[in-house]
Protein backbone atom coordinates (compact mmCIF):
# COMPACT_ATOMS: atom_id res chain seq x y z
CA MET A 1 -65.39 28.97 59.54
CA ILE A 2 -69.49 28.06 59.48
CA ILE A 3 -71.37 31.02 58.85
CA GLU A 4 -73.59 32.10 60.83
CA ASN A 5 -77.22 30.29 60.47
CA GLY A 6 -75.64 28.26 57.80
CA GLU A 7 -77.86 25.28 58.30
CA HIS A 8 -80.21 25.07 55.01
CA ARG A 9 -83.04 22.25 54.53
CA SER A 10 -82.50 20.91 50.43
CA GLU A 11 -83.18 18.08 48.94
CA ASN A 12 -80.00 18.34 46.87
CA ALA A 13 -78.20 17.83 50.11
CA GLY A 14 -78.75 13.98 50.44
CA ALA A 15 -80.64 11.72 52.65
CA ALA A 16 -80.40 14.13 55.67
CA GLY A 17 -81.21 17.42 54.00
CA VAL A 18 -78.65 19.49 55.58
CA LEU A 19 -76.35 21.87 53.87
CA HIS A 20 -74.16 23.53 56.41
CA ASP A 21 -72.11 26.37 54.64
CA VAL A 22 -68.50 27.10 55.15
CA ASP A 23 -66.89 30.22 53.24
CA THR A 24 -66.93 31.47 49.66
CA PRO A 25 -63.71 30.96 48.27
CA SER A 26 -61.43 31.94 45.40
CA ALA A 27 -61.23 35.08 44.35
CA GLU A 28 -59.62 34.07 41.49
CA THR A 29 -62.87 33.24 39.56
CA ASP A 30 -65.39 35.66 37.89
CA GLU A 31 -68.93 33.73 39.63
CA GLU A 32 -69.26 33.17 43.32
CA VAL A 33 -68.06 29.52 44.63
CA THR A 34 -69.69 28.61 48.02
CA VAL A 35 -68.26 25.94 49.91
CA HIS A 36 -70.55 23.68 52.07
CA ARG A 37 -70.35 20.61 54.26
CA LEU A 38 -72.76 17.76 53.54
CA GLY A 39 -72.13 15.69 56.01
CA ASP A 40 -74.74 13.22 55.49
CA ARG A 41 -72.65 12.81 52.26
CA GLY A 42 -69.35 13.27 54.11
CA VAL A 43 -68.22 15.62 51.51
CA TYR A 44 -67.22 19.34 51.44
CA SER A 45 -68.47 20.78 48.22
CA ALA A 46 -67.84 23.45 46.16
CA THR A 47 -70.60 24.86 44.14
CA ILE A 48 -71.65 27.31 41.31
CA ALA A 49 -75.14 28.47 41.22
CA GLY A 50 -75.68 25.15 42.41
CA ARG A 51 -73.53 23.16 40.58
CA GLU A 52 -71.26 21.13 42.29
CA ILE A 53 -67.47 21.96 40.82
CA ALA A 54 -65.24 20.56 43.22
CA SER A 55 -65.56 18.42 46.10
CA LEU A 56 -63.07 17.07 49.15
CA LEU A 57 -64.26 13.28 50.19
CA TYR A 58 -64.14 12.15 54.02
CA ARG A 59 -64.63 10.13 56.47
CA GLU A 60 -65.33 10.58 60.40
CA GLU A 61 -63.71 8.59 63.07
CA PRO A 62 -64.31 9.87 66.79
CA GLY A 63 -61.95 13.12 67.17
CA LEU A 64 -60.91 12.90 63.50
CA ILE A 65 -61.55 13.74 60.01
CA VAL A 66 -60.01 11.27 57.12
CA VAL A 67 -59.79 13.28 54.26
CA LEU A 68 -60.03 10.59 51.17
CA SER A 69 -59.83 12.61 47.85
CA THR A 70 -60.47 15.74 46.31
CA ASP A 71 -61.81 16.55 42.78
CA VAL A 72 -62.33 19.67 40.39
CA ASP A 73 -64.42 19.79 37.55
CA PRO A 74 -62.27 19.87 34.13
CA ASP A 75 -64.00 23.34 33.42
CA PHE A 76 -62.74 24.95 36.38
CA ARG A 77 -58.97 23.81 37.38
CA GLY A 78 -56.20 26.13 37.23
CA ARG A 79 -58.41 28.72 39.29
CA GLY A 80 -57.43 28.21 42.75
CA ILE A 81 -60.53 26.74 43.59
CA ALA A 82 -59.02 23.40 45.38
CA GLY A 83 -56.51 25.26 47.46
CA ASP A 84 -59.54 27.66 48.54
CA LEU A 85 -61.74 24.65 48.97
CA ILE A 86 -59.13 22.63 51.09
CA ALA A 87 -58.32 25.74 53.33
CA ASP A 88 -62.32 26.49 53.60
CA ALA A 89 -62.48 22.64 54.88
CA LEU A 90 -59.62 22.70 56.87
CA ASP A 91 -61.07 25.68 58.82
CA ASP A 92 -64.11 23.77 59.39
CA ILE A 93 -62.51 21.17 60.64
CA ARG A 94 -60.60 23.09 63.10
CA SER A 95 -63.53 25.09 64.30
CA ARG A 96 -65.21 21.73 64.96
CA GLY A 97 -62.11 20.86 67.16
CA MET A 98 -60.68 17.84 64.99
CA LYS A 99 -57.36 16.61 63.44
CA VAL A 100 -57.37 15.05 59.94
CA ARG A 101 -55.47 12.28 58.60
CA ALA A 102 -54.73 13.09 54.87
CA VAL A 103 -55.15 10.10 52.44
CA CYS A 104 -55.51 12.54 49.80
CA PRO A 105 -51.89 13.16 48.47
CA VAL A 106 -53.35 16.59 47.33
CA VAL A 107 -54.11 17.66 50.85
CA ALA A 108 -51.61 16.02 52.36
CA ALA A 109 -49.15 18.32 50.63
CA PHE A 110 -51.43 21.06 51.25
CA MET A 111 -50.83 20.80 54.91
CA ALA A 112 -47.29 19.82 54.54
CA SER A 113 -46.72 23.01 52.69
CA SER A 114 -48.69 25.29 55.37
CA VAL A 115 -47.47 26.31 58.67
CA LEU A 116 -51.61 27.12 59.03
CA PHE A 117 -53.05 23.59 59.19
CA SER A 118 -50.17 22.08 60.49
CA ASP A 119 -51.19 21.30 64.11
CA LEU A 120 -54.19 19.57 62.34
CA ALA A 121 -52.31 16.78 60.82
CA VAL A 122 -52.36 13.19 62.77
């Protein structure tokens, strides 16, 4: 879900400089993880203290988000960050009224195993 007033200007956000806060996931980490949608880069980014620790790369098409890949920094694997990042991204995509084509096998498996997101798949 997009946090109210979640649009921020930042030179770290890419050419357009816009961050859209999505959520603060993963109770399994010791530090606060924040997820942003960086629309100008086509990425959902999970950060801790401003450091990107995980990302979900996507391409936007009319009414559709094509999820291309996910990546988690090796130092942060095994903490539930990928699942939380994927769930937060899918919640955001749903709130935007879009569907998902998961090219990424991790996201495809996540969606196939969850009735909460099966309605988004095309």
